[in-house]
Amino acid sequence: MNKSTFELIYDVVKQIPKGKVATYGQVASLAGNKRWSRVVGYALHSNPDPKNIPCHRVVNRLGEVSKAFVFGGENRQIELLQNEGVEFVDGKVDLEKYQWNRVTIEMMEE
């Protein structure tokens, strides 16, 4: 069975660990097409299972949260990330500190 684009995106988002974030472009690339950044946004906006698909962990390339976060607005997204220990500086996530590095994760598991 072939997975839909949204399913591929959700599979990637499910892997983002608590206390880390990924960018839309990063999720798009890991899902199979680096040009799917906007599609990632559409998929997250229609997230069917926010408890198991942590869309709040996806931010833009500058570390900014979504102004249209569908599950309570941008303040709620900030609150969810802060509850996981993610810190904000000038309204942005420090990507150097909090961006998920899947390669590192995979190497640690080997």
PDB file of N, CA and C in Angstrom:
ATOM      1  N   MET A   1       0.831  -1.183   0.000  1.00  0.00           N
ATOM      2  CA  MET A   1       0.000   0.000   0.000  1.00  0.00           C
ATOM      3  C   MET A   1       0.879   1.251   0.000  1.00  0.00           C
ATOM      4  N   ASN A   2       0.612   2.147  -0.908  1.00  0.00           N
ATOM      5  CA  ASN A   2       1.339   3.407  -0.947  1.00  0.00           C
ATOM      6  C   ASN A   2       0.724   4.378   0.041  1.00  0.00           C
ATOM      7  N   LYS A   3       1.594   5.085   0.750  1.00  0.00           N
ATOM      8  CA  LYS A   3       1.116   6.078   1.715  1.00  0.00           C
ATOM      9  C   LYS A   3       0.852   7.392   1.003  1.00  0.00           C
ATOM     10  N   SER A   4      -0.129   8.125   1.504  1.00  0.00           N
ATOM     11  CA  SER A   4      -0.407   9.449   0.959  1.00  0.00           C
ATOM     12  C   SER A   4       0.690  10.415   1.409  1.00  0.00           C
ATOM     13  N   THR A   5       0.749  11.551   0.756  1.00  0.00           N
ATOM     14  CA  THR A   5       1.718  12.581   1.130  1.00  0.00           C
ATOM     15  C   THR A   5       1.534  12.985   2.588  1.00  0.00           C
ATOM     16  N   PHE A   6       0.280  13.199   3.005  1.00  0.00           N
ATOM     17  CA  PHE A   6       0.025  13.590   4.388  1.00  0.00           C
ATOM     18  C   PHE A   6       0.496  12.504   5.346  1.00  0.00           C
ATOM     19  N   GLU A   7       0.274  11.238   5.016  1.00  0.00           N
ATOM     20  CA  GLU A   7       0.721  10.145   5.895  1.00  0.00           C
ATOM     21  C   GLU A   7       2.239  10.137   6.020  1.00  0.00           C
ATOM     22  N   LEU A   8       2.946  10.389   4.919  1.00  0.00           N
ATOM     23  CA  LEU A   8       4.412  10.458   4.973  1.00  0.00           C
ATOM     24  C   LEU A   8       4.858  11.599   5.892  1.00  0.00           C
ATOM     25  N   ILE A   9       4.176  12.724   5.790  1.00  0.00           N
ATOM     26  CA  ILE A   9       4.496  13.883   6.633  1.00  0.00           C
ATOM     27  C   ILE A   9       4.220  13.554   8.102  1.00  0.00           C
ATOM     28  N   TYR A  10       3.062  12.966   8.374  1.00  0.00           N
ATOM     29  CA  TYR A  10       2.722  12.617   9.760  1.00  0.00           C
ATOM     30  C   TYR A  10       3.730  11.619  10.337  1.00  0.00           C
ATOM     31  N   ASP A  11       4.205  10.684   9.529  1.00  0.00           N
ATOM     32  CA  ASP A  11       5.203   9.717  10.004  1.00  0.00           C
ATOM     33  C   ASP A  11       6.472  10.424  10.471  1.00  0.00           C
ATOM     34  N   VAL A  12       6.885  11.455   9.750  1.00  0.00           N
ATOM     35  CA  VAL A  12       8.083  12.218  10.140  1.00  0.00           C
ATOM     36  C   VAL A  12       7.802  13.007  11.417  1.00  0.00           C
ATOM     37  N   VAL A  13       6.682  13.703  11.470  1.00  0.00           N
ATOM     38  CA  VAL A  13       6.365  14.555  12.627  1.00  0.00           C
ATOM     39  C   VAL A  13       6.270  13.719  13.901  1.00  0.00           C
ATOM     40  N   LYS A  14       5.757  12.500  13.796  1.00  0.00           N
ATOM     41  CA  LYS A  14       5.658  11.616  14.965  1.00  0.00           C
ATOM     42  C   LYS A  14       7.027  11.298  15.564  1.00  0.00           C
ATOM     43  N   GLN A  15       8.082  11.410  14.760  1.00  0.00           N
ATOM     44  CA  GLN A  15       9.435  11.078  15.228  1.00  0.00           C
ATOM     45  C   GLN A  15      10.134  12.228  15.944  1.00  0.00           C
ATOM     46  N   ILE A  16       9.619  13.444  15.826  1.00  0.00           N
ATOM     47  CA  ILE A  16      10.282  14.595  16.462  1.00  0.00           C
ATOM     48  C   ILE A  16      10.169  14.427  17.975  1.00  0.00           C
ATOM     49  N   PRO A  17      11.297  14.324  18.663  1.00  0.00           N
ATOM     50  CA  PRO A  17      11.249  14.082  20.110  1.00  0.00           C
ATOM     51  C   PRO A  17      10.739  15.273  20.910  1.00  0.00           C
ATOM     52  N   LYS A  18      10.217  14.967  22.065  1.00  0.00           N
ATOM     53  CA  LYS A  18       9.786  15.992  23.009  1.00  0.00           C
ATOM     54  C   LYS A  18      10.978  16.908  23.299  1.00  0.00           C
ATOM     55  N   GLY A  19      10.737  18.216  23.302  1.00  0.00           N
ATOM     56  CA  GLY A  19      11.806  19.172  23.585  1.00  0.00           C
ATOM     57  C   GLY A  19      12.641  19.548  22.371  1.00  0.00           C
ATOM     58  N   LYS A  20      12.238  19.083  21.191  1.00  0.00           N
ATOM     59  CA  LYS A  20      12.929  19.420  19.944  1.00  0.00           C
ATOM     60  C   LYS A  20      11.915  19.953  18.948  1.00  0.00           C
ATOM     61  N   VAL A  21      12.409  20.640  17.920  1.00  0.00           N
ATOM     62  CA  VAL A  21      11.548  21.124  16.846  1.00  0.00           C
ATOM     63  C   VAL A  21      12.178  20.747  15.508  1.00  0.00           C
ATOM     64  N   ALA A  22      11.371  20.790  14.479  1.00  0.00           N
ATOM     65  CA  ALA A  22      11.845  20.626  13.106  1.00  0.00           C
ATOM     66  C   ALA A  22      11.213  21.740  12.284  1.00  0.00           C
ATOM     67  N   THR A  23      11.833  22.086  11.179  1.00  0.00           N
ATOM     68  CA  THR A  23      11.267  23.107  10.301  1.00  0.00           C
ATOM     69  C   THR A  23      10.375  22.442   9.265  1.00  0.00           C
ATOM     70  N   TYR A  24       9.501  23.262   8.666  1.00  0.00           N
ATOM     71  CA  TYR A  24       8.637  22.748   7.608  1.00  0.00           C
ATOM     72  C   TYR A  24       9.474  22.122   6.489  1.00  0.00           C
ATOM     73  N   GLY A  25      10.548  22.794   6.102  1.00  0.00           N
ATOM     74  CA  GLY A  25      11.416  22.286   5.043  1.00  0.00           C
ATOM     75  C   GLY A  25      12.094  20.990   5.424  1.00  0.00           C
ATOM     76  N   GLN A  26      12.506  20.887   6.664  1.00  0.00           N
ATOM     77  CA  GLN A  26      13.142  19.664   7.154  1.00  0.00           C
ATOM     78  C   GLN A  26      12.151  18.502   7.102  1.00  0.00           C
ATOM     79  N   VAL A  27      10.927  18.729   7.569  1.00  0.00           N
ATOM     80  CA  VAL A  27       9.902  17.688   7.534  1.00  0.00           C
ATOM     81  C   VAL A  27       9.621  17.299   6.083  1.00  0.00           C
ATOM     82  N   ALA A  28       9.504  18.298   5.205  1.00  0.00           N
ATOM     83  CA  ALA A  28       9.244  18.027   3.787  1.00  0.00           C
ATOM     84  C   ALA A  28      10.328  17.133   3.196  1.00  0.00           C
ATOM     85  N   SER A  29      11.573  17.485   3.449  1.00  0.00           N
ATOM     86  CA  SER A  29      12.692  16.717   2.925  1.00  0.00           C
ATOM     87  C   SER A  29      12.695  15.280   3.450  1.00  0.00           C
ATOM     88  N   LEU A  30      12.485  15.134   4.748  1.00  0.00           N
ATOM     89  CA  LEU A  30      12.472  13.791   5.347  1.00  0.00           C
ATOM     90  C   LEU A  30      11.269  12.967   4.882  1.00  0.00           C
ATOM     91  N   ALA A  31      10.187  13.656   4.483  1.00  0.00           N
ATOM     92  CA  ALA A  31       8.996  12.958   3.997  1.00  0.00           C
ATOM     93  C   ALA A  31       9.126  12.559   2.523  1.00  0.00           C
ATOM     94  N   GLY A  32      10.157  13.085   1.871  1.00  0.00           N
ATOM     95  CA  GLY A  32      10.399  12.630   0.504  1.00  0.00           C
ATOM     96  C   GLY A  32      10.514  13.686  -0.571  1.00  0.00           C
ATOM     97  N   ASN A  33      10.216  14.953  -0.254  1.00  0.00           N
ATOM     98  CA  ASN A  33      10.316  15.981  -1.280  1.00  0.00           C
ATOM     99  C   ASN A  33      10.569  17.329  -0.615  1.00  0.00           C
ATOM    100  N   LYS A  34      11.764  17.859  -0.813  1.00  0.00           N
ATOM    101  CA  LYS A  34      12.137  19.116  -0.157  1.00  0.00           C
ATOM    102  C   LYS A  34      11.256  20.297  -0.570  1.00  0.00           C
ATOM    103  N   ARG A  35      10.465  20.140  -1.621  1.00  0.00           N
ATOM    104  CA  ARG A  35       9.581  21.226  -2.084  1.00  0.00           C
ATOM    105  C   ARG A  35       8.191  21.171  -1.445  1.00  0.00           C
ATOM    106  N   TRP A  36       7.975  20.283  -0.513  1.00  0.00           N
ATOM    107  CA  TRP A  36       6.671  20.109   0.111  1.00  0.00           C
ATOM    108  C   TRP A  36       6.443  20.984   1.348  1.00  0.00           C
ATOM    109  N   SER A  37       7.229  22.016   1.564  1.00  0.00           N
ATOM    110  CA  SER A  37       7.093  22.828   2.786  1.00  0.00           C
ATOM    111  C   SER A  37       5.668  23.321   3.002  1.00  0.00           C
ATOM    112  N   ARG A  38       5.050  23.853   1.961  1.00  0.00           N
ATOM    113  CA  ARG A  38       3.669  24.328   2.095  1.00  0.00           C
ATOM    114  C   ARG A  38       2.714  23.166   2.344  1.00  0.00           C
ATOM    115  N   VAL A  39       2.995  22.036   1.712  1.00  0.00           N
ATOM    116  CA  VAL A  39       2.152  20.854   1.908  1.00  0.00           C
ATOM    117  C   VAL A  39       2.229  20.399   3.368  1.00  0.00           C
ATOM    118  N   VAL A  40       3.414  20.520   3.963  1.00  0.00           N
ATOM    119  CA  VAL A  40       3.562  20.191   5.384  1.00  0.00           C
ATOM    120  C   VAL A  40       2.615  21.065   6.199  1.00  0.00           C
ATOM    121  N   GLY A  41       2.569  22.342   5.889  1.00  0.00           N
ATOM    122  CA  GLY A  41       1.661  23.254   6.581  1.00  0.00           C
ATOM    123  C   GLY A  41       0.209  22.838   6.430  1.00  0.00           C
ATOM    124  N   TYR A  42      -0.178  22.456   5.220  1.00  0.00           N
ATOM    125  CA  TYR A  42      -1.558  22.008   4.984  1.00  0.00           C
ATOM    126  C   TYR A  42      -1.853  20.740   5.776  1.00  0.00           C
ATOM    127  N   ALA A  43      -0.898  19.816   5.768  1.00  0.00           N
ATOM    128  CA  ALA A  43      -1.089  18.549   6.491  1.00  0.00           C
ATOM    129  C   ALA A  43      -1.250  18.805   7.986  1.00  0.00           C
ATOM    130  N   LEU A  44      -0.411  19.668   8.543  1.00  0.00           N
ATOM    131  CA  LEU A  44      -0.472  19.932   9.976  1.00  0.00           C
ATOM    132  C   LEU A  44      -1.751  20.686  10.339  1.00  0.00           C
ATOM    133  N   HIS A  45      -2.207  21.516   9.433  1.00  0.00           N
ATOM    134  CA  HIS A  45      -3.444  22.266   9.690  1.00  0.00           C
ATOM    135  C   HIS A  45      -4.655  21.332   9.743  1.00  0.00           C
ATOM    136  N   SER A  46      -4.554  20.183   9.088  1.00  0.00           N
ATOM    137  CA  SER A  46      -5.667  19.224   9.113  1.00  0.00           C
ATOM    138  C   SER A  46      -5.277  17.952   9.872  1.00  0.00           C
ATOM    139  N   ASN A  47      -4.375  18.091  10.817  1.00  0.00           N
ATOM    140  CA  ASN A  47      -3.892  16.984  11.645  1.00  0.00           C
ATOM    141  C   ASN A  47      -5.070  16.242  12.287  1.00  0.00           C
ATOM    142  N   PRO A  48      -5.246  14.943  11.962  1.00  0.00           N
ATOM    143  CA  PRO A  48      -6.383  14.195  12.504  1.00  0.00           C
ATOM    144  C   PRO A  48      -6.173  13.689  13.929  1.00  0.00           C
ATOM    145  N   ASP A  49      -4.929  13.762  14.427  1.00  0.00           N
ATOM    146  CA  ASP A  49      -4.617  13.153  15.719  1.00  0.00           C
ATOM    147  C   ASP A  49      -3.521  13.940  16.438  1.00  0.00           C
ATOM    148  N   PRO A  50      -3.815  15.170  16.902  1.00  0.00           N
ATOM    149  CA  PRO A  50      -2.775  16.014  17.498  1.00  0.00           C
ATOM    150  C   PRO A  50      -2.119  15.437  18.750  1.00  0.00           C
ATOM    151  N   LYS A  51      -2.775  14.487  19.422  1.00  0.00           N
ATOM    152  CA  LYS A  51      -2.148  13.872  20.601  1.00  0.00           C
ATOM    153  C   LYS A  51      -0.975  12.979  20.208  1.00  0.00           C
ATOM    154  N   ASN A  52      -1.053  12.378  19.013  1.00  0.00           N
ATOM    155  CA  ASN A  52      -0.006  11.458  18.563  1.00  0.00           C
ATOM    156  C   ASN A  52       0.833  12.001  17.414  1.00  0.00           C
ATOM    157  N   ILE A  53       0.382  13.088  16.819  1.00  0.00           N
ATOM    158  CA  ILE A  53       1.140  13.752  15.749  1.00  0.00           C
ATOM    159  C   ILE A  53       1.435  15.162  16.272  1.00  0.00           C
ATOM    160  N   PRO A  54       2.607  15.348  16.905  1.00  0.00           N
ATOM    161  CA  PRO A  54       2.908  16.605  17.612  1.00  0.00           C
ATOM    162  C   PRO A  54       3.244  17.773  16.685  1.00  0.00           C
ATOM    163  N   CYS A  55       2.231  18.268  15.995  1.00  0.00           N
ATOM    164  CA  CYS A  55       2.448  19.331  15.017  1.00  0.00           C
ATOM    165  C   CYS A  55       2.980  20.616  15.658  1.00  0.00           C
ATOM    166  N   HIS A  56       2.823  20.764  16.965  1.00  0.00           N
ATOM    167  CA  HIS A  56       3.344  21.966  17.629  1.00  0.00           C
ATOM    168  C   HIS A  56       4.871  22.009  17.597  1.00  0.00           C
ATOM    169  N   ARG A  57       5.506  20.897  17.253  1.00  0.00           N
ATOM    170  CA  ARG A  57       6.972  20.838  17.201  1.00  0.00           C
ATOM    171  C   ARG A  57       7.543  21.265  15.848  1.00  0.00           C
ATOM    172  N   VAL A  58       6.688  21.744  14.952  1.00  0.00           N
ATOM    173  CA  VAL A  58       7.146  22.195  13.634  1.00  0.00           C
ATOM    174  C   VAL A  58       7.071  23.718  13.590  1.00  0.00           C
ATOM    175  N   VAL A  59       8.199  24.328  13.233  1.00  0.00           N
ATOM    176  CA  VAL A  59       8.315  25.790  13.165  1.00  0.00           C
ATOM    177  C   VAL A  59       8.876  26.185  11.800  1.00  0.00           C
ATOM    178  N   ASN A  60       8.865  27.475  11.508  1.00  0.00           N
ATOM    179  CA  ASN A  60       9.422  27.889  10.214  1.00  0.00           C
ATOM    180  C   ASN A  60      10.953  27.939  10.272  1.00  0.00           C
ATOM    181  N   ARG A  61      11.549  28.253   9.151  1.00  0.00           N
ATOM    182  CA  ARG A  61      13.017  28.211   9.039  1.00  0.00           C
ATOM    183  C   ARG A  61      13.725  29.216   9.929  1.00  0.00           C
ATOM    184  N   LEU A  62      12.967  30.193  10.454  1.00  0.00           N
ATOM    185  CA  LEU A  62      13.529  31.189  11.360  1.00  0.00           C
ATOM    186  C   LEU A  62      13.308  30.824  12.828  1.00  0.00           C
ATOM    187  N   GLY A  63      12.601  29.716  13.058  1.00  0.00           N
ATOM    188  CA  GLY A  63      12.304  29.306  14.426  1.00  0.00           C
ATOM    189  C   GLY A  63      11.023  29.906  14.966  1.00  0.00           C
ATOM    190  N   GLU A  64      10.209  30.469  14.085  1.00  0.00           N
ATOM    191  CA  GLU A  64       8.960  31.090  14.516  1.00  0.00           C
ATOM    192  C   GLU A  64       7.819  30.079  14.480  1.00  0.00           C
ATOM    193  N   VAL A  65       6.901  30.221  15.433  1.00  0.00           N
ATOM    194  CA  VAL A  65       5.726  29.355  15.458  1.00  0.00           C
ATOM    195  C   VAL A  65       4.715  29.855  14.425  1.00  0.00           C
ATOM    196  N   SER A  66       3.710  29.038  14.160  1.00  0.00           N
ATOM    197  CA  SER A  66       2.680  29.384  13.191  1.00  0.00           C
ATOM    198  C   SER A  66       1.700  30.402  13.773  1.00  0.00           C
ATOM    199  N   LYS A  67       1.451  31.456  13.035  1.00  0.00           N
ATOM    200  CA  LYS A  67       0.453  32.447  13.460  1.00  0.00           C
ATOM    201  C   LYS A  67      -0.951  31.844  13.344  1.00  0.00           C
ATOM    202  N   ALA A  68      -1.085  30.762  12.575  1.00  0.00           N
ATOM    203  CA  ALA A  68      -2.383  30.118  12.356  1.00  0.00           C
ATOM    204  C   ALA A  68      -2.433  28.727  12.985  1.00  0.00           C
ATOM    205  N   PHE A  69      -1.712  28.529  14.092  1.00  0.00           N
ATOM    206  CA  PHE A  69      -1.710  27.213  14.747  1.00  0.00           C
ATOM    207  C   PHE A  69      -3.140  26.821  15.058  1.00  0.00           C
ATOM    208  N   VAL A  70      -3.599  25.771  14.422  1.00  0.00           N
ATOM    209  CA  VAL A  70      -5.014  25.418  14.423  1.00  0.00           C
ATOM    210  C   VAL A  70      -5.515  24.924  15.784  1.00  0.00           C
ATOM    211  N   PHE A  71      -4.631  24.499  16.651  1.00  0.00           N
ATOM    212  CA  PHE A  71      -5.048  23.940  17.941  1.00  0.00           C
ATOM    213  C   PHE A  71      -4.856  24.938  19.077  1.00  0.00           C
ATOM    214  N   GLY A  72      -5.330  26.182  18.872  1.00  0.00           N
ATOM    215  CA  GLY A  72      -5.300  27.164  19.943  1.00  0.00           C
ATOM    216  C   GLY A  72      -4.511  28.421  19.658  1.00  0.00           C
ATOM    217  N   GLY A  73      -3.991  28.581  18.451  1.00  0.00           N
ATOM    218  CA  GLY A  73      -3.260  29.792  18.089  1.00  0.00           C
ATOM    219  C   GLY A  73      -1.793  29.745  18.470  1.00  0.00           C
ATOM    220  N   GLU A  74      -1.063  30.784  18.065  1.00  0.00           N
ATOM    221  CA  GLU A  74       0.387  30.791  18.260  1.00  0.00           C
ATOM    222  C   GLU A  74       0.779  30.762  19.734  1.00  0.00           C
ATOM    223  N   ASN A  75       0.012  31.410  20.602  1.00  0.00           N
ATOM    224  CA  ASN A  75       0.359  31.383  22.025  1.00  0.00           C
ATOM    225  C   ASN A  75       0.276  29.966  22.585  1.00  0.00           C
ATOM    226  N   ARG A  76      -0.689  29.196  22.115  1.00  0.00           N
ATOM    227  CA  ARG A  76      -0.821  27.802  22.560  1.00  0.00           C
ATOM    228  C   ARG A  76       0.363  26.969  22.068  1.00  0.00           C
ATOM    229  N   GLN A  77       0.808  27.202  20.838  1.00  0.00           N
ATOM    230  CA  GLN A  77       1.966  26.474  20.326  1.00  0.00           C
ATOM    231  C   GLN A  77       3.204  26.807  21.158  1.00  0.00           C
ATOM    232  N   ILE A  78       3.377  28.062  21.490  1.00  0.00           N
ATOM    233  CA  ILE A  78       4.505  28.478  22.332  1.00  0.00           C
ATOM    234  C   ILE A  78       4.408  27.793  23.695  1.00  0.00           C
ATOM    235  N   GLU A  79       3.220  27.803  24.272  1.00  0.00           N
ATOM    236  CA  GLU A  79       3.009  27.168  25.580  1.00  0.00           C
ATOM    237  C   GLU A  79       3.352  25.673  25.538  1.00  0.00           C
ATOM    238  N   LEU A  80       2.896  24.986  24.503  1.00  0.00           N
ATOM    239  CA  LEU A  80       3.187  23.544  24.382  1.00  0.00           C
ATOM    240  C   LEU A  80       4.688  23.289  24.287  1.00  0.00           C
ATOM    241  N   LEU A  81       5.380  24.101  23.506  1.00  0.00           N
ATOM    242  CA  LEU A  81       6.834  23.924  23.368  1.00  0.00           C
ATOM    243  C   LEU A  81       7.556  24.273  24.668  1.00  0.00           C
ATOM    244  N   GLN A  82       7.149  25.345  25.318  1.00  0.00           N
ATOM    245  CA  GLN A  82       7.783  25.714  26.593  1.00  0.00           C
ATOM    246  C   GLN A  82       7.561  24.629  27.645  1.00  0.00           C
ATOM    247  N   ASN A  83       6.403  23.994  27.633  1.00  0.00           N
ATOM    248  CA  ASN A  83       6.129  22.894  28.571  1.00  0.00           C
ATOM    249  C   ASN A  83       7.067  21.717  28.346  1.00  0.00           C
ATOM    250  N   GLU A  84       7.649  21.622  27.149  1.00  0.00           N
ATOM    251  CA  GLU A  84       8.601  20.562  26.838  1.00  0.00           C
ATOM    252  C   GLU A  84      10.041  21.009  27.046  1.00  0.00           C
ATOM    253  N   GLY A  85      10.226  22.251  27.524  1.00  0.00           N
ATOM    254  CA  GLY A  85      11.568  22.744  27.808  1.00  0.00           C
ATOM    255  C   GLY A  85      12.201  23.559  26.701  1.00  0.00           C
ATOM    256  N   VAL A  86      11.468  23.812  25.628  1.00  0.00           N
ATOM    257  CA  VAL A  86      11.998  24.618  24.527  1.00  0.00           C
ATOM    258  C   VAL A  86      11.931  26.087  24.931  1.00  0.00           C
ATOM    259  N   GLU A  87      13.047  26.779  24.777  1.00  0.00           N
ATOM    260  CA  GLU A  87      13.126  28.184  25.155  1.00  0.00           C
ATOM    261  C   GLU A  87      13.004  29.081  23.927  1.00  0.00           C
ATOM    262  N   PHE A  88      12.450  30.265  24.148  1.00  0.00           N
ATOM    263  CA  PHE A  88      12.285  31.251  23.085  1.00  0.00           C
ATOM    264  C   PHE A  88      13.144  32.460  23.393  1.00  0.00           C
ATOM    265  N   VAL A  89      13.797  32.989  22.366  1.00  0.00           N
ATOM    266  CA  VAL A  89      14.567  34.219  22.482  1.00  0.00           C
ATOM    267  C   VAL A  89      14.028  35.162  21.408  1.00  0.00           C
ATOM    268  N   ASP A  90      13.567  36.321  21.828  1.00  0.00           N
ATOM    269  CA  ASP A  90      12.971  37.296  20.909  1.00  0.00           C
ATOM    270  C   ASP A  90      11.852  36.671  20.079  1.00  0.00           C
ATOM    271  N   GLY A  91      11.055  35.824  20.707  1.00  0.00           N
ATOM    272  CA  GLY A  91       9.906  35.229  20.042  1.00  0.00           C
ATOM    273  C   GLY A  91      10.199  34.074  19.103  1.00  0.00           C
ATOM    274  N   LYS A  92      11.451  33.591  19.122  1.00  0.00           N
ATOM    275  CA  LYS A  92      11.840  32.511  18.221  1.00  0.00           C
ATOM    276  C   LYS A  92      12.520  31.383  18.994  1.00  0.00           C
ATOM    277  N   VAL A  93      12.389  30.177  18.465  1.00  0.00           N
ATOM    278  CA  VAL A  93      13.108  29.030  19.005  1.00  0.00           C
ATOM    279  C   VAL A  93      14.556  29.122  18.532  1.00  0.00           C
ATOM    280  N   ASP A  94      15.506  28.864  19.415  1.00  0.00           N
ATOM    281  CA  ASP A  94      16.918  28.808  19.043  1.00  0.00           C
ATOM    282  C   ASP A  94      17.138  27.486  18.320  1.00  0.00           C
ATOM    283  N   LEU A  95      17.164  27.534  16.985  1.00  0.00           N
ATOM    284  CA  LEU A  95      17.276  26.309  16.198  1.00  0.00           C
ATOM    285  C   LEU A  95      18.608  25.589  16.420  1.00  0.00           C
ATOM    286  N   GLU A  96      19.662  26.353  16.715  1.00  0.00           N
ATOM    287  CA  GLU A  96      20.953  25.695  16.966  1.00  0.00           C
ATOM    288  C   GLU A  96      20.864  24.779  18.176  1.00  0.00           C
ATOM    289  N   LYS A  97      20.045  25.153  19.133  1.00  0.00           N
ATOM    290  CA  LYS A  97      19.928  24.395  20.381  1.00  0.00           C
ATOM    291  C   LYS A  97      18.814  23.344  20.334  1.00  0.00           C
ATOM    292  N   TYR A  98      17.688  23.679  19.684  1.00  0.00           N
ATOM    293  CA  TYR A  98      16.504  22.821  19.792  1.00  0.00           C
ATOM    294  C   TYR A  98      16.095  22.096  18.513  1.00  0.00           C
ATOM    295  N   GLN A  99      16.777  22.366  17.392  1.00  0.00           N
ATOM    296  CA  GLN A  99      16.359  21.681  16.164  1.00  0.00           C
ATOM    297  C   GLN A  99      16.747  20.222  16.209  1.00  0.00           C
ATOM    298  N   TRP A 100      15.776  19.390  15.898  1.00  0.00           N
ATOM    299  CA  TRP A 100      15.966  17.943  15.852  1.00  0.00           C
ATOM    300  C   TRP A 100      16.938  17.586  14.745  1.00  0.00           C
ATOM    301  N   ASN A 101      17.884  16.745  15.101  1.00  0.00           N
ATOM    302  CA  ASN A 101      18.857  16.270  14.122  1.00  0.00           C
ATOM    303  C   ASN A 101      18.663  14.769  13.984  1.00  0.00           C
ATOM    304  N   ARG A 102      17.880  14.372  13.030  1.00  0.00           N
ATOM    305  CA  ARG A 102      17.544  12.961  12.851  1.00  0.00           C
ATOM    306  C   ARG A 102      18.779  12.097  12.645  1.00  0.00           C
ATOM    307  N   VAL A 103      19.781  12.609  11.955  1.00  0.00           N
ATOM    308  CA  VAL A 103      20.987  11.824  11.717  1.00  0.00           C
ATOM    309  C   VAL A 103      21.637  11.457  13.041  1.00  0.00           C
ATOM    310  N   THR A 104      21.751  12.422  13.945  1.00  0.00           N
ATOM    311  CA  THR A 104      22.347  12.162  15.253  1.00  0.00           C
ATOM    312  C   THR A 104      21.533  11.126  16.020  1.00  0.00           C
ATOM    313  N   ILE A 105      20.225  11.250  15.981  1.00  0.00           N
ATOM    314  CA  ILE A 105      19.345  10.313  16.669  1.00  0.00           C
ATOM    315  C   ILE A 105      19.578   8.892  16.149  1.00  0.00           C
ATOM    316  N   GLU A 106      19.594   8.750  14.814  1.00  0.00           N
ATOM    317  CA  GLU A 106      19.775   7.425  14.204  1.00  0.00           C
ATOM    318  C   GLU A 106      21.145   6.846  14.554  1.00  0.00           C
ATOM    319  N   MET A 107      22.182   7.685  14.571  1.00  0.00           N
ATOM    320  CA  MET A 107      23.524   7.187  14.885  1.00  0.00           C
ATOM    321  C   MET A 107      23.602   6.726  16.331  1.00  0.00           C
ATOM    322  N   MET A 108      22.883   7.404  17.216  1.00  0.00           N
ATOM    323  CA  MET A 108      22.900   7.032  18.636  1.00  0.00           C
ATOM    324  C   MET A 108      22.202   5.689  18.854  1.00  0.00           C
ATOM    325  N   GLU A 109      21.217   5.374  17.994  1.00  0.00           N
ATOM    326  CA  GLU A 109      20.469   4.134  18.158  1.00  0.00           C
ATOM    327  C   GLU A 109      21.256   2.911  17.670  1.00  0.00           C
ATOM    328  N   GLU A 110      22.248   3.139  16.817  1.00  0.00           N
ATOM    329  CA  GLU A 110      23.014   2.012  16.248  1.00  0.00           C
ATOM    330  C   GLU A 110      23.966   1.416  17.258  1.00  0.00           C
TER     331      GLU A 110
END
